[in-house]
Amino acid sequence: MVTPPTPRPLADLRPWVETFTDQRIVVWGDLVADRFLLGSTTRVSREAPALVLRYEGEEIRPGAAGNAALNVAALGADVTVFGHVGDDEAGRQLSSALAEAGIDISGVDRRDDGSTPVKTRVMAGGAHTVRQQILRIDDEHAWRPNTDADAIDRLAAELVTADALLVSDYGLGTVSPTAYETLRAAAAASDVPVTVDSRHRLLDFPDATAVTPNESEVESVLRVRLDHDREAIEGAGAELLEQLNCQHVLITRGSQGMAVFQRQQAPVHLPIHGTDEIADVTGAGDTVIATLTLALAAGAEVVPAARLATVAAGLVVLKHGTATIPRAELAAALDGDS
């Protein structure tokens, strides 16, 4: 058996992080309002076997494509977002949060034919404990396909001066395979890498530079059982490369790290970064694709780019809620590697 080369120190990846501020990324996908209801546990209800929470406040943060955009912005790049929100309070708060982060929201359409998708997480804790998620309520719908050719042309025009296109598809109707093909071709004409994160229909988005499914998403699209088995994962990665005709496949594996596949190369298995004592995995996939996209846009090869994404993911899962990793925090983690 061939012994894989010893990985270079993480500090060697730091120059790529320094180039993140030179990149301009277009994010296209489903915008979701992540709503957090905060409360403290007081007692068990006499009416039902349920906790009684004292309401202490709430907040809305951008989720899905919005969280991917926030991660890209936190890492120092310029970001333009394209997607839909409803003409409602959740949509206004979501748009405001993106704008306050310095993100260009000129591509965010406010639609009156539906409401902003909202995921409500009820966060409960005592006086001396960390709040934990005890319930999630999804109020989602799929937008009617937007056939506005002007909107697609406007997005394609943005790719002429962009360094990468990040596609974030949560199955809510923003991203259509037909529009994707138009934009992928526009990106190819400008030599712009395209990365795709699709929750339910990855096979509808071929010819990308890189795709980033997790194990359960791979099982769903290929109709296989992986069971964390390395041999099965390597077979699935090879099949995705073939079916999608893409350059790279990165399968995220939770506490098992990440598997990286590329044509004519042996698979590379990357361990997780840091501890496996995870606080919250909410939005970790958005952090992965944001970091990977930036590194590829900067010119990194896929394995160094994936290592950066693994480090960023290892940092973000230590935070609660929909979180991001600032560029300085990622750089410090790289410098701290022994």
Foldseek 3Di string as FASTA:
>chain_A
DDDDDDDDFLLVLLVLLVCLQVFEEEEEEAKEKEKEWEFEWDQQDPVDRHTDTDTDDMDIEIAFSLLLQLQSLLSNYAYEYADEAEPDPSRVRHVVNSVVSVHHDPRYYYDHPDHHKYKYWYWYHHPPDGTDTDDIDTDAAADDADPPVVSLVVSLVVLLPGLAYEYGYAPRRRDDLVSLVVSVVSNVVNVHAYEYEHQACVLSRAAGQEYEEEPVNLCRNVVDDCVVPPVVVQVSQVVCCVSRVYAKYWYQYQQQGIWIDGPPDHIDGDGAPDDSPFDAQRCLSSLLSSQLSSSVSSPDDNVSSNVLSRLQSNVPRNDDDSDYAHSVNSSVSSVPGD
